[in-house]
Each structure stands twice: as structure tokens, then as C-alpha cells.
């Protein structure tokens, strides 16, 4: 049984309850960070619903979880776009967003905003994201 199935088994014991990754990790006897990553992926797949930061539950019997406001990020400004692209040019090789964000935080971009700008650049094909999650300029080869 995979980790996601184990998590579903635990969460289904109390379907109306919200669970944190820490609570689930106690039942699985593993690290909360491991469980948190799996639970975030389960939200992406629709197996769980994130009801507030760090709290998850099963989708309702109608196939939808509690309504959360949908926040559409503001379009990236030319300055934000250039900051992300310039940082990648300076680094000179593909990097994960977790390495890019601290560099740009010093320039005033939050970790969330770096992700939003990078996603927009990927949609515009000014940036690519490799299978391993690293961002790269389109002309860089995948090794």
C-alpha cells in the first residue's frame, strides 16, 4: 500500500474531521514533512481538500470540499519578469525554485511571487521547467 493510500485510510476513519500532516505522520510513524508533500499532491489530484494552511480533509459527498476563495495572481510586471530572467542568466544553469526564491527575496519578490512570475514566464515560453522541477532558459540543454 502506497503512502497516499495509507493517508486516505487514516483520514477516512473520521470523514468530517480536518487533519494536519503532523497528526497523520504520528499514525504512520514517519516525518511530517514527508506526509505534507504527499498530502499536497493528493490535493492536486482531488483526493483531499486543503481547508486552511496545514489542514486537510476529504472532499464532501458532492465531490467538492469547502469553498475557498480563488485568488488569481496579478500579471507579472516587466521588472519582475526581468528580475527572474536576469537571476537565471547570472546563475547560468537550471535551478529549482527553492534556490531561485532566496536570491530574489533580496530584490523584493516573495517566494510566492517568484513562483507566480516563473509560471507566467513558462506559459509565455520565456522559461522552461524541466521534469526535475528546475527552471531554465529555453536554450539551455537538458543533461
C-alpha atoms as a PDB file:
ATOM      1  CA  UNK A   1       0.000   0.000   0.000  1.00  0.00           C
ATOM      2  CA  UNK A   2       1.421   3.370  -1.031  1.00  0.00           C
ATOM      3  CA  UNK A   3       1.739   6.392   1.224  1.00  0.00           C
ATOM      4  CA  UNK A   4      -1.310   8.130  -0.314  1.00  0.00           C
ATOM      5  CA  UNK A   5      -3.489   5.068   0.280  1.00  0.00           C
ATOM      6  CA  UNK A   6      -2.272   4.893   3.878  1.00  0.00           C
ATOM      7  CA  UNK A   7      -3.154   8.559   4.376  1.00  0.00           C
ATOM      8  CA  UNK A   8      -6.618   8.051   2.869  1.00  0.00           C
ATOM      9  CA  UNK A   9      -7.197   5.083   5.174  1.00  0.00           C
ATOM     10  CA  UNK A  10      -6.392   7.236   8.217  1.00  0.00           C
ATOM     11  CA  UNK A  11      -8.433  10.262   7.068  1.00  0.00           C
ATOM     12  CA  UNK A  12     -11.458   8.093   6.206  1.00  0.00           C
ATOM     13  CA  UNK A  13     -11.681   6.950   9.847  1.00  0.00           C
ATOM     14  CA  UNK A  14     -13.106  10.396  10.682  1.00  0.00           C
ATOM     15  CA  UNK A  15     -14.518  11.800   7.418  1.00  0.00           C
ATOM     16  CA  UNK A  16     -15.780  15.099   8.879  1.00  0.00           C
ATOM     17  CA  UNK A  17     -12.509  15.922  10.623  1.00  0.00           C
ATOM     18  CA  UNK A  18      -9.639  18.065   9.377  1.00  0.00           C
ATOM     19  CA  UNK A  19      -6.140  16.618   9.638  1.00  0.00           C
ATOM     20  CA  UNK A  20      -2.676  18.139   9.733  1.00  0.00           C
ATOM     21  CA  UNK A  21       0.352  16.381   8.300  1.00  0.00           C
ATOM     22  CA  UNK A  22       1.727  16.162  11.832  1.00  0.00           C
ATOM     23  CA  UNK A  23      -1.341  14.287  13.064  1.00  0.00           C
ATOM     24  CA  UNK A  24      -1.245  11.875  10.131  1.00  0.00           C
ATOM     25  CA  UNK A  25       2.516  11.362  10.487  1.00  0.00           C
ATOM     26  CA  UNK A  26       2.026  10.128  14.067  1.00  0.00           C
ATOM     27  CA  UNK A  27      -0.272   7.385  12.769  1.00  0.00           C
ATOM     28  CA  UNK A  28       2.195   6.490  10.003  1.00  0.00           C
ATOM     29  CA  UNK A  29       5.276   6.790  12.221  1.00  0.00           C
ATOM     30  CA  UNK A  30       7.169   8.958   9.727  1.00  0.00           C
ATOM     31  CA  UNK A  31       8.287  12.577   9.285  1.00  0.00           C
ATOM     32  CA  UNK A  32       5.585  15.259   8.961  1.00  0.00           C
ATOM     33  CA  UNK A  33       7.438  16.828   6.017  1.00  0.00           C
ATOM     34  CA  UNK A  34       7.137  13.570   4.074  1.00  0.00           C
ATOM     35  CA  UNK A  35       3.415  13.353   4.796  1.00  0.00           C
ATOM     36  CA  UNK A  36       2.907  17.035   3.973  1.00  0.00           C
ATOM     37  CA  UNK A  37       4.364  16.587   0.481  1.00  0.00           C
ATOM     38  CA  UNK A  38       2.143  13.581  -0.196  1.00  0.00           C
ATOM     39  CA  UNK A  39      -0.937  15.413   1.125  1.00  0.00           C
ATOM     40  CA  UNK A  40      -0.245  18.430  -1.113  1.00  0.00           C
ATOM     41  CA  UNK A  41      -0.016  16.086  -4.100  1.00  0.00           C
ATOM     42  CA  UNK A  42      -3.290  14.465  -3.020  1.00  0.00           C
ATOM     43  CA  UNK A  43      -4.934  17.915  -3.024  1.00  0.00           C
ATOM     44  CA  UNK A  44      -3.668  18.461  -6.573  1.00  0.00           C
ATOM     45  CA  UNK A  45      -5.221  15.136  -7.592  1.00  0.00           C
ATOM     46  CA  UNK A  46      -8.528  15.919  -5.828  1.00  0.00           C
ATOM     47  CA  UNK A  47      -8.199  13.182  -3.195  1.00  0.00           C
ATOM     48  CA  UNK A  48      -8.035  15.709  -0.339  1.00  0.00           C
ATOM     49  CA  UNK A  49      -9.106  19.312   0.136  1.00  0.00           C
ATOM     50  CA  UNK A  50      -6.981  21.954   1.861  1.00  0.00           C
ATOM     51  CA  UNK A  51      -9.369  23.824   4.145  1.00  0.00           C
ATOM     52  CA  UNK A  52      -6.773  26.156   5.663  1.00  0.00           C
ATOM     53  CA  UNK A  53      -2.983  26.278   5.755  1.00  0.00           C
ATOM     54  CA  UNK A  54      -1.765  22.914   7.019  1.00  0.00           C
ATOM     55  CA  UNK A  55      -5.263  21.401   7.428  1.00  0.00           C
ATOM     56  CA  UNK A  56      -6.765  18.842   5.061  1.00  0.00           C
ATOM     57  CA  UNK A  57      -9.981  16.842   4.832  1.00  0.00           C
ATOM     58  CA  UNK A  58     -11.813  14.547   2.445  1.00  0.00           C
ATOM     59  CA  UNK A  59     -13.877  16.099  -0.332  1.00  0.00           C
ATOM     60  CA  UNK A  60     -17.578  16.244   0.573  1.00  0.00           C
ATOM     61  CA  UNK A  61     -20.066  13.693  -0.686  1.00  0.00           C
ATOM     62  CA  UNK A  62     -20.839  16.095  -3.529  1.00  0.00           C
ATOM     63  CA  UNK A  63     -17.277  15.849  -4.788  1.00  0.00           C
ATOM     64  CA  UNK A  64     -16.310  19.305  -3.623  1.00  0.00           C
ATOM     65  CA  UNK A  65     -14.650  20.464  -0.486  1.00  0.00           C
ATOM     66  CA  UNK A  66     -15.303  23.664   1.396  1.00  0.00           C
ATOM     67  CA  UNK A  67     -15.306  26.694  -0.861  1.00  0.00           C
ATOM     68  CA  UNK A  68     -12.119  28.682  -0.689  1.00  0.00           C
ATOM     69  CA  UNK A  69     -11.662  31.975  -2.466  1.00  0.00           C
ATOM     70  CA  UNK A  70      -9.955  31.655  -5.821  1.00  0.00           C
ATOM     71  CA  UNK A  71      -7.102  34.107  -5.992  1.00  0.00           C
ATOM     72  CA  UNK A  72      -5.816  34.947  -9.441  1.00  0.00           C
ATOM     73  CA  UNK A  73      -2.300  36.341  -9.303  1.00  0.00           C
ATOM     74  CA  UNK A  74      -1.693  39.740 -10.821  1.00  0.00           C
ATOM     75  CA  UNK A  75       0.169  39.682 -14.134  1.00  0.00           C
ATOM     76  CA  UNK A  76       3.922  39.990 -13.737  1.00  0.00           C
ATOM     77  CA  UNK A  77       5.348  43.423 -14.346  1.00  0.00           C
ATOM     78  CA  UNK A  78       8.166  43.780 -16.868  1.00  0.00           C
ATOM     79  CA  UNK A  79      10.506  44.476 -13.941  1.00  0.00           C
ATOM     80  CA  UNK A  80       9.511  41.247 -12.151  1.00  0.00           C
ATOM     81  CA  UNK A  81       9.919  39.243 -15.334  1.00  0.00           C
ATOM     82  CA  UNK A  82      13.375  40.708 -15.926  1.00  0.00           C
ATOM     83  CA  UNK A  83      14.442  40.034 -12.314  1.00  0.00           C
ATOM     84  CA  UNK A  84      13.656  36.321 -12.680  1.00  0.00           C
ATOM     85  CA  UNK A  85      15.290  36.050 -16.115  1.00  0.00           C
ATOM     86  CA  UNK A  86      18.368  38.030 -15.017  1.00  0.00           C
ATOM     87  CA  UNK A  87      18.809  35.806 -11.961  1.00  0.00           C
ATOM     88  CA  UNK A  88      18.747  32.699 -14.157  1.00  0.00           C
ATOM     89  CA  UNK A  89      21.201  34.228 -16.626  1.00  0.00           C
ATOM     90  CA  UNK A  90      23.546  35.089 -13.742  1.00  0.00           C
ATOM     91  CA  UNK A  91      23.328  31.583 -12.229  1.00  0.00           C
ATOM     92  CA  UNK A  92      23.993  30.075 -15.643  1.00  0.00           C
ATOM     93  CA  UNK A  93      22.362  26.662 -15.185  1.00  0.00           C
ATOM     94  CA  UNK A  94      18.937  25.178 -14.352  1.00  0.00           C
ATOM     95  CA  UNK A  95      17.900  25.693 -10.726  1.00  0.00           C
ATOM     96  CA  UNK A  96      14.919  24.734  -8.577  1.00  0.00           C
ATOM     97  CA  UNK A  97      12.551  27.472  -7.470  1.00  0.00           C
ATOM     98  CA  UNK A  98      13.709  26.906  -3.886  1.00  0.00           C
ATOM     99  CA  UNK A  99      17.184  28.149  -4.908  1.00  0.00           C
ATOM    100  CA  UNK A 100      15.872  30.993  -7.022  1.00  0.00           C
ATOM    101  CA  UNK A 101      13.447  32.425  -4.464  1.00  0.00           C
ATOM    102  CA  UNK A 102      16.007  33.445  -1.783  1.00  0.00           C
ATOM    103  CA  UNK A 103      18.060  35.346  -4.359  1.00  0.00           C
ATOM    104  CA  UNK A 104      15.006  37.260  -5.489  1.00  0.00           C
ATOM    105  CA  UNK A 105      13.692  37.834  -1.958  1.00  0.00           C
ATOM    106  CA  UNK A 106      16.580  40.259  -1.533  1.00  0.00           C
ATOM    107  CA  UNK A 107      15.204  42.109  -4.534  1.00  0.00           C
ATOM    108  CA  UNK A 108      11.702  42.357  -3.032  1.00  0.00           C
ATOM    109  CA  UNK A 109       9.940  39.332  -4.560  1.00  0.00           C
ATOM    110  CA  UNK A 110       8.268  36.930  -2.147  1.00  0.00           C
ATOM    111  CA  UNK A 111       8.648  33.179  -2.617  1.00  0.00           C
ATOM    112  CA  UNK A 112       5.028  33.008  -3.787  1.00  0.00           C
ATOM    113  CA  UNK A 113       5.513  35.841  -6.258  1.00  0.00           C
ATOM    114  CA  UNK A 114       8.648  34.211  -7.713  1.00  0.00           C
ATOM    115  CA  UNK A 115       6.543  31.093  -8.390  1.00  0.00           C
ATOM    116  CA  UNK A 116       3.767  33.140  -9.992  1.00  0.00           C
ATOM    117  CA  UNK A 117       6.178  35.067 -12.224  1.00  0.00           C
ATOM    118  CA  UNK A 118       8.060  31.884 -13.175  1.00  0.00           C
ATOM    119  CA  UNK A 119       4.765  30.158 -14.059  1.00  0.00           C
ATOM    120  CA  UNK A 120       3.796  33.096 -16.272  1.00  0.00           C
ATOM    121  CA  UNK A 121       7.205  33.033 -17.957  1.00  0.00           C
ATOM    122  CA  UNK A 122       6.770  29.299 -18.600  1.00  0.00           C
ATOM    123  CA  UNK A 123       3.328  29.916 -20.158  1.00  0.00           C
ATOM    124  CA  UNK A 124       4.916  32.560 -22.399  1.00  0.00           C
ATOM    125  CA  UNK A 125       7.755  30.135 -23.255  1.00  0.00           C
ATOM    126  CA  UNK A 126      10.363  32.588 -21.985  1.00  0.00           C
ATOM    127  CA  UNK A 127      11.313  29.967 -19.387  1.00  0.00           C
ATOM    128  CA  UNK A 128      11.068  26.191 -19.209  1.00  0.00           C
ATOM    129  CA  UNK A 129      10.574  23.866 -16.297  1.00  0.00           C
ATOM    130  CA  UNK A 130      12.305  20.512 -16.518  1.00  0.00           C
ATOM    131  CA  UNK A 131      10.843  17.222 -15.293  1.00  0.00           C
ATOM    132  CA  UNK A 132      13.001  17.509 -12.159  1.00  0.00           C
ATOM    133  CA  UNK A 133      11.302  20.839 -11.327  1.00  0.00           C
ATOM    134  CA  UNK A 134      14.249  23.063 -12.234  1.00  0.00           C
ATOM    135  CA  UNK A 135      13.702  26.304 -14.112  1.00  0.00           C
ATOM    136  CA  UNK A 136      15.885  27.006 -17.128  1.00  0.00           C
ATOM    137  CA  UNK A 137      16.170  29.343 -20.046  1.00  0.00           C
ATOM    138  CA  UNK A 138      14.784  27.690 -23.210  1.00  0.00           C
ATOM    139  CA  UNK A 139      18.143  27.484 -24.982  1.00  0.00           C
ATOM    140  CA  UNK A 140      19.800  25.505 -22.149  1.00  0.00           C
ATOM    141  CA  UNK A 141      20.146  21.801 -22.845  1.00  0.00           C
ATOM    142  CA  UNK A 142      18.718  19.152 -20.549  1.00  0.00           C
ATOM    143  CA  UNK A 143      21.544  16.924 -19.333  1.00  0.00           C
END
